[in-house]
Amino acid sequence: MAAGLLCALLTLAGVGSASAHGLEENRATLVLRDQNHVSVTLFITFSEALHRVLAPERSFQEFILTYAAMSPEAFKVTLLKAQSTFQAETSTETADGHRLLLERWRWPEPAAVQQVLRERAMQALVAPNEHPYETALEVRAELQAAKAIASVRVSFPPAFQRVLVVSYQPKQVWVEPRRASPEITF
């Protein structure tokens, strides 16, 4: 009943006008550590990505309303399927084409993801003519190569659309008490 009422209210409020523009871009940070270990941190706007992978045949409005109203148990099962798809469609390889396996994936809790969907639904109800805002959720993964990594290529699931990638290898230096650090260069 509540889901039906929410659906009717959002339809009347014009949730269809809450398009994807105005949201933060998806982004990834790749950090090379110890010459052969890469930490990957992604910040993803989940509502958009989930819509593309779980229900592309539905309007965004329909998707948000349906999945925001799911029971936590049903949503968790569905989210795990989407995460499996995202993992399978994310790949990394060295410059010479050697595939590197991403492991130790850490995903946001299903309740946090479903809350994002509920917030998007409520934004459409309260402020249908404003650009939607969504907090990007963090996803982490690691890869370990057998030898030193000089460079990698990465590709992400089509559902993520365009992803801004920042990569670096940190420089570390100890700073002793009451002493200035050595020169820190950028």
N, C-alpha and C. Protein backbone atom coordinates (compact mmCIF):
# COMPACT_ATOMS: atom_id res chain seq x y z
N MET A 1 0.83 -1.19 0.00
CA MET A 1 0.00 0.00 0.00
C MET A 1 0.87 1.25 0.00
N ALA A 2 1.87 1.28 0.90
CA ALA A 2 2.75 2.45 1.00
C ALA A 2 3.51 2.66 -0.30
N ALA A 3 3.97 1.55 -0.91
CA ALA A 3 4.70 1.66 -2.17
C ALA A 3 3.79 2.20 -3.27
N GLY A 4 2.53 1.74 -3.28
CA GLY A 4 1.58 2.23 -4.28
C GLY A 4 1.29 3.70 -4.11
N LEU A 5 1.15 4.14 -2.86
CA LEU A 5 0.92 5.55 -2.57
C LEU A 5 2.11 6.39 -2.98
N LEU A 6 3.32 5.91 -2.64
CA LEU A 6 4.53 6.63 -3.02
C LEU A 6 4.63 6.73 -4.54
N CYS A 7 4.32 5.65 -5.23
CA CYS A 7 4.35 5.63 -6.69
C CYS A 7 3.40 6.67 -7.27
N ALA A 8 2.19 6.72 -6.75
CA ALA A 8 1.20 7.68 -7.24
C ALA A 8 1.64 9.11 -6.98
N LEU A 9 2.15 9.38 -5.79
CA LEU A 9 2.60 10.73 -5.45
C LEU A 9 3.77 11.17 -6.33
N LEU A 10 4.72 10.26 -6.54
CA LEU A 10 5.87 10.62 -7.36
C LEU A 10 5.48 10.82 -8.81
N THR A 11 4.54 10.04 -9.28
CA THR A 11 4.06 10.23 -10.65
C THR A 11 3.42 11.60 -10.81
N LEU A 12 2.59 11.97 -9.86
CA LEU A 12 1.95 13.28 -9.90
C LEU A 12 2.97 14.41 -9.75
N ALA A 13 4.02 14.16 -9.00
CA ALA A 13 5.03 15.20 -8.76
C ALA A 13 5.99 15.34 -9.93
N GLY A 14 5.93 14.43 -10.89
CA GLY A 14 6.79 14.57 -12.07
C GLY A 14 8.19 14.05 -11.85
N VAL A 15 8.33 12.91 -11.20
CA VAL A 15 9.66 12.36 -10.96
C VAL A 15 10.43 12.13 -12.26
N GLY A 16 9.75 11.97 -13.35
CA GLY A 16 10.42 11.77 -14.62
C GLY A 16 11.33 12.92 -14.99
N SER A 17 11.09 14.10 -14.45
CA SER A 17 11.95 15.23 -14.77
C SER A 17 13.26 15.20 -14.01
N ALA A 18 13.38 14.29 -13.05
CA ALA A 18 14.63 14.18 -12.29
C ALA A 18 15.58 13.28 -13.05
N SER A 19 16.24 13.85 -14.03
CA SER A 19 17.13 13.05 -14.87
C SER A 19 18.50 12.92 -14.24
N ALA A 20 19.36 12.19 -14.92
CA ALA A 20 20.67 11.87 -14.36
C ALA A 20 21.63 13.05 -14.36
N HIS A 21 21.37 14.09 -15.14
CA HIS A 21 22.33 15.19 -15.16
C HIS A 21 22.36 15.89 -13.82
N GLY A 22 23.53 16.46 -13.50
CA GLY A 22 23.65 17.15 -12.23
C GLY A 22 24.21 16.27 -11.13
N LEU A 23 24.36 14.98 -11.39
CA LEU A 23 24.94 14.09 -10.39
C LEU A 23 26.46 14.12 -10.52
N GLU A 24 27.12 13.78 -9.42
CA GLU A 24 28.57 13.68 -9.47
C GLU A 24 28.96 12.57 -10.42
N GLU A 25 30.10 12.73 -11.05
CA GLU A 25 30.61 11.70 -11.95
C GLU A 25 31.15 10.53 -11.14
N ASN A 26 31.07 9.35 -11.70
CA ASN A 26 31.70 8.19 -11.09
C ASN A 26 33.21 8.37 -11.20
N ARG A 27 33.92 7.93 -10.17
CA ARG A 27 35.37 8.12 -10.18
C ARG A 27 36.07 6.93 -9.53
N ALA A 28 37.34 6.77 -9.89
CA ALA A 28 38.15 5.68 -9.34
C ALA A 28 39.53 6.22 -9.02
N THR A 29 40.11 5.70 -7.95
CA THR A 29 41.49 6.01 -7.60
C THR A 29 42.26 4.71 -7.55
N LEU A 30 43.37 4.65 -8.28
CA LEU A 30 44.25 3.49 -8.29
C LEU A 30 45.56 3.91 -7.64
N VAL A 31 45.97 3.19 -6.61
CA VAL A 31 47.19 3.52 -5.88
C VAL A 31 48.12 2.31 -5.95
N LEU A 32 49.31 2.52 -6.52
CA LEU A 32 50.32 1.46 -6.59
C LEU A 32 51.12 1.46 -5.30
N ARG A 33 51.15 0.31 -4.64
CA ARG A 33 51.91 0.16 -3.38
C ARG A 33 52.86 -1.04 -3.54
N ASP A 34 54.03 -0.91 -2.97
CA ASP A 34 55.00 -2.02 -2.96
C ASP A 34 55.27 -2.58 -4.35
N GLN A 35 55.22 -1.79 -5.36
CA GLN A 35 55.57 -2.12 -6.74
C GLN A 35 54.64 -3.12 -7.44
N ASN A 36 53.91 -3.95 -6.69
CA ASN A 36 53.08 -4.97 -7.35
C ASN A 36 51.67 -5.09 -6.76
N HIS A 37 51.29 -4.13 -5.96
CA HIS A 37 49.98 -4.17 -5.29
C HIS A 37 49.23 -2.88 -5.62
N VAL A 38 48.03 -3.01 -6.17
CA VAL A 38 47.22 -1.84 -6.51
C VAL A 38 45.94 -1.87 -5.69
N SER A 39 45.68 -0.76 -5.01
CA SER A 39 44.41 -0.57 -4.30
C SER A 39 43.50 0.24 -5.20
N VAL A 40 42.28 -0.22 -5.36
CA VAL A 40 41.30 0.48 -6.21
C VAL A 40 40.16 0.94 -5.31
N THR A 41 39.85 2.23 -5.40
CA THR A 41 38.70 2.78 -4.68
C THR A 41 37.79 3.45 -5.70
N LEU A 42 36.55 3.01 -5.74
CA LEU A 42 35.55 3.58 -6.66
C LEU A 42 34.52 4.34 -5.85
N PHE A 43 34.03 5.44 -6.42
CA PHE A 43 32.87 6.15 -5.88
C PHE A 43 31.83 6.17 -6.98
N ILE A 44 30.73 5.45 -6.75
CA ILE A 44 29.73 5.19 -7.78
C ILE A 44 28.37 5.74 -7.37
N THR A 45 27.68 6.37 -8.32
CA THR A 45 26.28 6.74 -8.09
C THR A 45 25.45 5.49 -8.38
N PHE A 46 25.10 4.81 -7.31
CA PHE A 46 24.49 3.49 -7.43
C PHE A 46 23.14 3.49 -8.10
N SER A 47 22.31 4.49 -7.88
CA SER A 47 20.96 4.43 -8.47
C SER A 47 21.04 4.32 -9.98
N GLU A 48 21.91 5.09 -10.59
CA GLU A 48 22.05 5.08 -12.04
C GLU A 48 22.61 3.73 -12.53
N ALA A 49 23.68 3.27 -11.88
CA ALA A 49 24.31 2.01 -12.29
C ALA A 49 23.37 0.83 -12.10
N LEU A 50 22.68 0.79 -10.98
CA LEU A 50 21.75 -0.31 -10.73
C LEU A 50 20.60 -0.30 -11.73
N HIS A 51 20.10 0.88 -12.05
CA HIS A 51 19.03 0.97 -13.05
C HIS A 51 19.49 0.37 -14.37
N ARG A 52 20.71 0.71 -14.79
CA ARG A 52 21.21 0.23 -16.08
C ARG A 52 21.40 -1.29 -16.11
N VAL A 53 21.78 -1.88 -14.97
CA VAL A 53 22.07 -3.32 -14.97
C VAL A 53 20.87 -4.17 -14.54
N LEU A 54 20.01 -3.66 -13.69
CA LEU A 54 18.90 -4.46 -13.17
C LEU A 54 17.60 -4.31 -13.94
N ALA A 55 17.33 -3.10 -14.42
CA ALA A 55 16.02 -2.87 -15.05
C ALA A 55 16.11 -1.81 -16.14
N PRO A 56 16.97 -2.02 -17.14
CA PRO A 56 17.11 -0.99 -18.18
C PRO A 56 15.85 -0.79 -19.01
N GLU A 57 14.97 -1.80 -19.01
CA GLU A 57 13.73 -1.69 -19.78
C GLU A 57 12.69 -0.83 -19.09
N ARG A 58 12.89 -0.55 -17.81
CA ARG A 58 11.96 0.29 -17.05
C ARG A 58 12.44 1.73 -17.07
N SER A 59 11.52 2.65 -16.87
CA SER A 59 11.92 4.04 -16.71
C SER A 59 12.67 4.17 -15.38
N PHE A 60 13.48 5.20 -15.26
CA PHE A 60 14.21 5.42 -14.01
C PHE A 60 13.22 5.58 -12.86
N GLN A 61 12.13 6.27 -13.12
CA GLN A 61 11.08 6.47 -12.11
C GLN A 61 10.56 5.13 -11.60
N GLU A 62 10.19 4.25 -12.51
CA GLU A 62 9.68 2.93 -12.13
C GLU A 62 10.71 2.15 -11.33
N PHE A 63 11.95 2.20 -11.81
CA PHE A 63 13.02 1.49 -11.12
C PHE A 63 13.18 1.97 -9.69
N ILE A 64 13.31 3.28 -9.51
CA ILE A 64 13.50 3.84 -8.16
C ILE A 64 12.35 3.43 -7.24
N LEU A 65 11.15 3.58 -7.72
CA LEU A 65 9.99 3.26 -6.89
C LEU A 65 9.94 1.78 -6.51
N THR A 66 10.22 0.92 -7.46
CA THR A 66 10.15 -0.52 -7.20
C THR A 66 11.24 -0.97 -6.23
N TYR A 67 12.46 -0.57 -6.49
CA TYR A 67 13.58 -1.07 -5.69
C TYR A 67 13.68 -0.37 -4.34
N ALA A 68 13.24 0.85 -4.24
CA ALA A 68 13.22 1.54 -2.94
C ALA A 68 12.20 0.90 -2.01
N ALA A 69 11.15 0.32 -2.58
CA ALA A 69 10.07 -0.27 -1.77
C ALA A 69 10.26 -1.76 -1.49
N MET A 70 11.30 -2.37 -2.05
CA MET A 70 11.53 -3.81 -1.82
C MET A 70 11.81 -4.10 -0.36
N SER A 71 11.53 -5.31 0.04
CA SER A 71 11.92 -5.73 1.39
C SER A 71 13.45 -5.76 1.44
N PRO A 72 14.04 -5.52 2.60
CA PRO A 72 15.50 -5.55 2.70
C PRO A 72 16.10 -6.88 2.22
N GLU A 73 15.43 -7.98 2.50
CA GLU A 73 15.94 -9.29 2.10
C GLU A 73 15.95 -9.44 0.58
N ALA A 74 14.85 -9.07 -0.06
CA ALA A 74 14.77 -9.17 -1.52
C ALA A 74 15.76 -8.22 -2.18
N PHE A 75 15.90 -7.02 -1.62
CA PHE A 75 16.84 -6.05 -2.18
C PHE A 75 18.26 -6.59 -2.08
N LYS A 76 18.61 -7.19 -0.97
CA LYS A 76 19.97 -7.72 -0.78
C LYS A 76 20.29 -8.77 -1.84
N VAL A 77 19.36 -9.68 -2.10
CA VAL A 77 19.57 -10.72 -3.11
C VAL A 77 19.79 -10.08 -4.48
N THR A 78 18.97 -9.11 -4.81
CA THR A 78 19.08 -8.43 -6.10
C THR A 78 20.38 -7.65 -6.21
N LEU A 79 20.75 -6.97 -5.13
CA LEU A 79 21.99 -6.19 -5.12
C LEU A 79 23.21 -7.09 -5.29
N LEU A 80 23.21 -8.25 -4.66
CA LEU A 80 24.34 -9.19 -4.80
C LEU A 80 24.51 -9.63 -6.25
N LYS A 81 23.40 -9.82 -6.97
CA LYS A 81 23.48 -10.17 -8.39
C LYS A 81 24.11 -9.04 -9.19
N ALA A 82 23.70 -7.81 -8.89
CA ALA A 82 24.27 -6.66 -9.59
C ALA A 82 25.76 -6.53 -9.29
N GLN A 83 26.15 -6.72 -8.05
CA GLN A 83 27.55 -6.62 -7.67
C GLN A 83 28.38 -7.68 -8.39
N SER A 84 27.85 -8.88 -8.54
CA SER A 84 28.54 -9.93 -9.28
C SER A 84 28.76 -9.52 -10.73
N THR A 85 27.75 -8.90 -11.31
CA THR A 85 27.87 -8.40 -12.68
C THR A 85 28.94 -7.32 -12.76
N PHE A 86 28.91 -6.37 -11.82
CA PHE A 86 29.90 -5.29 -11.81
C PHE A 86 31.32 -5.85 -11.69
N GLN A 87 31.51 -6.82 -10.82
CA GLN A 87 32.84 -7.41 -10.65
C GLN A 87 33.29 -8.11 -11.92
N ALA A 88 32.40 -8.88 -12.54
CA ALA A 88 32.75 -9.61 -13.75
C ALA A 88 33.08 -8.67 -14.91
N GLU A 89 32.47 -7.49 -14.92
CA GLU A 89 32.67 -6.54 -16.02
C GLU A 89 33.78 -5.53 -15.74
N THR A 90 34.46 -5.64 -14.61
CA THR A 90 35.59 -4.77 -14.30
C THR A 90 36.85 -5.57 -14.56
N SER A 91 37.75 -5.01 -15.36
CA SER A 91 38.98 -5.75 -15.66
C SER A 91 40.19 -4.84 -15.63
N THR A 92 41.32 -5.45 -15.30
CA THR A 92 42.60 -4.75 -15.30
C THR A 92 43.61 -5.65 -16.00
N GLU A 93 44.53 -5.00 -16.70
CA GLU A 93 45.58 -5.76 -17.38
C GLU A 93 46.83 -4.90 -17.48
N THR A 94 47.96 -5.56 -17.63
CA THR A 94 49.22 -4.85 -17.82
C THR A 94 49.30 -4.37 -19.26
N ALA A 95 50.31 -3.55 -19.54
CA ALA A 95 50.47 -3.01 -20.90
C ALA A 95 50.67 -4.12 -21.93
N ASP A 96 51.26 -5.24 -21.52
CA ASP A 96 51.48 -6.35 -22.46
C ASP A 96 50.29 -7.31 -22.53
N GLY A 97 49.16 -6.94 -21.91
CA GLY A 97 47.93 -7.72 -22.03
C GLY A 97 47.74 -8.79 -20.98
N HIS A 98 48.61 -8.87 -19.99
CA HIS A 98 48.46 -9.86 -18.91
C HIS A 98 47.35 -9.42 -17.97
N ARG A 99 46.35 -10.27 -17.83
CA ARG A 99 45.19 -9.92 -16.99
C ARG A 99 45.55 -9.96 -15.51
N LEU A 100 45.09 -8.96 -14.78
CA LEU A 100 45.31 -8.87 -13.33
C LEU A 100 43.96 -9.01 -12.64
N LEU A 101 43.87 -9.89 -11.68
CA LEU A 101 42.61 -10.19 -11.02
C LEU A 101 42.37 -9.27 -9.83
N LEU A 102 41.24 -8.58 -9.86
CA LEU A 102 40.83 -7.77 -8.70
C LEU A 102 40.18 -8.70 -7.67
N GLU A 103 40.61 -8.56 -6.43
CA GLU A 103 40.11 -9.41 -5.35
C GLU A 103 39.74 -8.57 -4.15
N ARG A 104 39.26 -9.25 -3.11
CA ARG A 104 38.89 -8.61 -1.84
C ARG A 104 37.98 -7.40 -2.06
N TRP A 105 36.95 -7.60 -2.85
CA TRP A 105 35.97 -6.55 -3.10
C TRP A 105 35.24 -6.22 -1.80
N ARG A 106 35.03 -4.95 -1.55
CA ARG A 106 34.24 -4.50 -0.40
C ARG A 106 33.18 -3.53 -0.92
N TRP A 107 31.93 -3.92 -0.74
CA TRP A 107 30.79 -3.17 -1.25
C TRP A 107 30.06 -2.50 -0.10
N PRO A 108 29.31 -1.43 -0.38
CA PRO A 108 28.49 -0.82 0.68
C PRO A 108 27.41 -1.79 1.14
N GLU A 109 26.98 -1.61 2.36
CA GLU A 109 25.91 -2.44 2.91
C GLU A 109 24.63 -2.25 2.08
N PRO A 110 23.88 -3.32 1.86
CA PRO A 110 22.63 -3.21 1.10
C PRO A 110 21.68 -2.14 1.65
N ALA A 111 21.60 -2.00 2.96
CA ALA A 111 20.71 -0.99 3.55
C ALA A 111 21.13 0.42 3.13
N ALA A 112 22.44 0.67 3.02
CA ALA A 112 22.93 1.99 2.60
C ALA A 112 22.57 2.26 1.14
N VAL A 113 22.69 1.24 0.30
CA VAL A 113 22.35 1.40 -1.12
C VAL A 113 20.85 1.63 -1.27
N GLN A 114 20.06 0.86 -0.57
CA GLN A 114 18.61 1.04 -0.67
C GLN A 114 18.19 2.40 -0.13
N GLN A 115 18.88 2.89 0.88
CA GLN A 115 18.58 4.23 1.41
C GLN A 115 18.83 5.30 0.35
N VAL A 116 19.89 5.12 -0.44
CA VAL A 116 20.16 6.06 -1.53
C VAL A 116 18.99 6.08 -2.51
N LEU A 117 18.46 4.90 -2.83
CA LEU A 117 17.31 4.85 -3.74
C LEU A 117 16.10 5.54 -3.13
N ARG A 118 15.88 5.35 -1.85
CA ARG A 118 14.75 6.01 -1.18
C ARG A 118 14.93 7.53 -1.17
N GLU A 119 16.15 7.98 -0.96
CA GLU A 119 16.41 9.43 -0.97
C GLU A 119 16.16 10.02 -2.35
N ARG A 120 16.56 9.29 -3.40
CA ARG A 120 16.30 9.78 -4.75
C ARG A 120 14.80 9.87 -5.01
N ALA A 121 14.04 8.90 -4.52
CA ALA A 121 12.59 8.93 -4.69
C ALA A 121 11.99 10.12 -3.94
N MET A 122 12.46 10.37 -2.75
CA MET A 122 11.93 11.48 -1.96
C MET A 122 12.33 12.83 -2.55
N GLN A 123 13.55 12.94 -3.08
CA GLN A 123 13.96 14.18 -3.73
C GLN A 123 13.01 14.51 -4.88
N ALA A 124 12.65 13.50 -5.62
CA ALA A 124 11.75 13.71 -6.75
C ALA A 124 10.38 14.18 -6.28
N LEU A 125 9.97 13.73 -5.11
CA LEU A 125 8.68 14.14 -4.57
C LEU A 125 8.73 15.56 -4.02
N VAL A 126 9.77 15.86 -3.25
CA VAL A 126 9.87 17.15 -2.57
C VAL A 126 10.31 18.27 -3.50
N ALA A 127 11.25 17.98 -4.39
CA ALA A 127 11.81 19.01 -5.27
C ALA A 127 11.95 18.46 -6.69
N PRO A 128 10.84 18.21 -7.36
CA PRO A 128 10.91 17.56 -8.67
C PRO A 128 11.60 18.38 -9.75
N ASN A 129 11.68 19.69 -9.59
CA ASN A 129 12.29 20.52 -10.62
C ASN A 129 13.75 20.84 -10.35
N GLU A 130 14.27 20.39 -9.24
CA GLU A 130 15.68 20.63 -8.92
C GLU A 130 16.52 19.46 -9.41
N HIS A 131 17.81 19.77 -9.67
CA HIS A 131 18.72 18.70 -10.06
C HIS A 131 18.86 17.73 -8.90
N PRO A 132 18.79 16.44 -9.16
CA PRO A 132 18.92 15.47 -8.07
C PRO A 132 20.34 15.42 -7.54
N TYR A 133 20.45 15.07 -6.29
CA TYR A 133 21.76 14.88 -5.66
C TYR A 133 21.81 13.46 -5.12
N GLU A 134 22.94 12.83 -5.28
CA GLU A 134 23.12 11.49 -4.74
C GLU A 134 24.54 11.35 -4.23
N THR A 135 24.66 10.86 -3.03
CA THR A 135 25.98 10.58 -2.48
C THR A 135 26.54 9.36 -3.17
N ALA A 136 27.73 9.50 -3.74
CA ALA A 136 28.39 8.35 -4.35
C ALA A 136 28.85 7.41 -3.24
N LEU A 137 28.65 6.13 -3.45
CA LEU A 137 29.04 5.14 -2.44
C LEU A 137 30.38 4.50 -2.82
N GLU A 138 31.12 4.14 -1.80
CA GLU A 138 32.49 3.64 -1.97
C GLU A 138 32.53 2.12 -2.15
N VAL A 139 33.33 1.71 -3.13
CA VAL A 139 33.60 0.30 -3.40
C VAL A 139 35.12 0.15 -3.43
N ARG A 140 35.63 -0.91 -2.84
CA ARG A 140 37.09 -1.13 -2.83
C ARG A 140 37.43 -2.51 -3.36
N ALA A 141 38.61 -2.60 -3.97
CA ALA A 141 39.15 -3.88 -4.43
C ALA A 141 40.67 -3.77 -4.43
N GLU A 142 41.32 -4.91 -4.52
CA GLU A 142 42.79 -4.97 -4.51
C GLU A 142 43.24 -5.90 -5.63
N LEU A 143 44.46 -5.65 -6.10
CA LEU A 143 45.08 -6.62 -6.99
C LEU A 143 46.55 -6.75 -6.61
N GLN A 144 47.04 -7.96 -6.78
CA GLN A 144 48.43 -8.27 -6.45
C GLN A 144 49.01 -8.97 -7.67
N ALA A 145 50.11 -8.44 -8.21
CA ALA A 145 50.76 -9.05 -9.36
C ALA A 145 51.99 -9.83 -8.91
N ALA A 146 52.41 -10.77 -9.72
CA ALA A 146 53.59 -11.58 -9.40
C ALA A 146 54.88 -10.78 -9.55
N LYS A 147 54.83 -9.74 -10.39
CA LYS A 147 56.03 -8.92 -10.60
C LYS A 147 55.65 -7.45 -10.54
N ALA A 148 56.65 -6.60 -10.57
CA ALA A 148 56.42 -5.15 -10.47
C ALA A 148 55.50 -4.68 -11.60
N ILE A 149 54.65 -3.73 -11.26
CA ILE A 149 53.69 -3.17 -12.21
C ILE A 149 54.19 -1.79 -12.63
N ALA A 150 54.40 -1.61 -13.93
CA ALA A 150 54.80 -0.29 -14.43
C ALA A 150 53.58 0.51 -14.87
N SER A 151 52.58 -0.20 -15.41
CA SER A 151 51.36 0.47 -15.86
C SER A 151 50.24 -0.56 -15.95
N VAL A 152 49.02 -0.08 -15.94
CA VAL A 152 47.84 -0.95 -16.10
C VAL A 152 46.82 -0.26 -16.99
N ARG A 153 45.94 -1.07 -17.53
CA ARG A 153 44.74 -0.58 -18.20
C ARG A 153 43.57 -1.11 -17.39
N VAL A 154 42.56 -0.31 -17.25
CA VAL A 154 41.38 -0.72 -16.49
C VAL A 154 40.14 -0.42 -17.31
N SER A 155 39.16 -1.30 -17.21
CA SER A 155 37.86 -1.01 -17.82
C SER A 155 36.78 -1.34 -16.80
N PHE A 156 35.71 -0.57 -16.86
CA PHE A 156 34.63 -0.66 -15.89
C PHE A 156 33.34 -1.10 -16.58
N PRO A 157 32.38 -1.55 -15.80
CA PRO A 157 31.11 -1.97 -16.38
C PRO A 157 30.44 -0.84 -17.17
N PRO A 158 29.78 -1.16 -18.28
CA PRO A 158 29.06 -0.14 -19.02
C PRO A 158 28.04 0.60 -18.14
N ALA A 159 27.50 -0.06 -17.14
CA ALA A 159 26.52 0.56 -16.25
C ALA A 159 27.10 1.74 -15.48
N PHE A 160 28.43 1.77 -15.31
CA PHE A 160 29.06 2.89 -14.60
C PHE A 160 29.19 4.12 -15.49
N GLN A 161 28.98 3.94 -16.78
CA GLN A 161 29.16 5.02 -17.75
C GLN A 161 30.61 5.50 -17.70
N ARG A 162 30.81 6.78 -17.79
CA ARG A 162 32.16 7.35 -17.79
C ARG A 162 32.70 7.38 -16.36
N VAL A 163 33.97 7.00 -16.18
CA VAL A 163 34.60 6.98 -14.86
C VAL A 163 35.89 7.80 -14.93
N LEU A 164 36.00 8.78 -14.05
CA LEU A 164 37.23 9.57 -13.95
C LEU A 164 38.23 8.77 -13.11
N VAL A 165 39.42 8.51 -13.66
CA VAL A 165 40.43 7.71 -12.96
C VAL A 165 41.60 8.59 -12.56
N VAL A 166 41.97 8.50 -11.29
CA VAL A 166 43.16 9.15 -10.75
C VAL A 166 44.08 8.03 -10.30
N SER A 167 45.36 8.10 -10.69
CA SER A 167 46.29 7.05 -10.28
C SER A 167 47.58 7.69 -9.77
N TYR A 168 48.19 7.02 -8.82
CA TYR A 168 49.46 7.52 -8.30
C TYR A 168 50.17 6.45 -7.49
N GLN A 169 51.46 6.71 -7.27
CA GLN A 169 52.26 5.89 -6.38
C GLN A 169 52.72 6.81 -5.26
N PRO A 170 52.28 6.56 -4.03
CA PRO A 170 52.61 7.49 -2.95
C PRO A 170 54.11 7.50 -2.64
N LYS A 171 54.56 8.66 -2.23
CA LYS A 171 55.91 8.82 -1.71
C LYS A 171 55.76 9.02 -0.21
N GLN A 172 56.53 8.27 0.56
CA GLN A 172 56.41 8.35 2.01
C GLN A 172 57.72 8.82 2.62
N VAL A 173 57.59 9.58 3.68
CA VAL A 173 58.77 10.05 4.40
C VAL A 173 58.40 10.20 5.87
N TRP A 174 59.29 9.78 6.74
CA TRP A 174 59.08 9.98 8.17
C TRP A 174 59.51 11.39 8.53
N VAL A 175 58.76 12.03 9.40
CA VAL A 175 59.13 13.35 9.92
C VAL A 175 59.37 13.18 11.41
N GLU A 176 60.60 13.46 11.82
CA GLU A 176 60.99 13.30 13.23
C GLU A 176 60.48 14.49 14.04
N PRO A 177 60.26 14.28 15.34
CA PRO A 177 59.81 15.38 16.19
C PRO A 177 60.79 16.55 16.16
N ARG A 178 60.24 17.74 16.10
CA ARG A 178 61.00 18.99 16.11
C ARG A 178 61.98 19.14 14.94
N ARG A 179 61.71 18.45 13.86
CA ARG A 179 62.56 18.58 12.66
C ARG A 179 61.65 18.76 11.45
N ALA A 180 62.15 19.53 10.52
CA ALA A 180 61.41 19.68 9.26
C ALA A 180 61.62 18.43 8.41
N SER A 181 60.64 18.14 7.62
CA SER A 181 60.75 16.98 6.74
C SER A 181 61.79 17.24 5.66
N PRO A 182 62.26 16.19 5.03
CA PRO A 182 63.04 16.41 3.81
C PRO A 182 62.12 17.11 2.79
N GLU A 183 62.70 17.62 1.75
CA GLU A 183 61.90 18.30 0.73
C GLU A 183 60.86 17.33 0.17
N ILE A 184 59.63 17.78 0.13
CA ILE A 184 58.53 16.97 -0.40
C ILE A 184 58.19 17.50 -1.78
N THR A 185 58.32 16.66 -2.77
CA THR A 185 58.07 17.09 -4.15
C THR A 185 56.75 16.51 -4.65
N PHE A 186 56.21 17.18 -5.63
CA PHE A 186 54.95 16.75 -6.23
C PHE A 186 55.15 16.42 -7.69
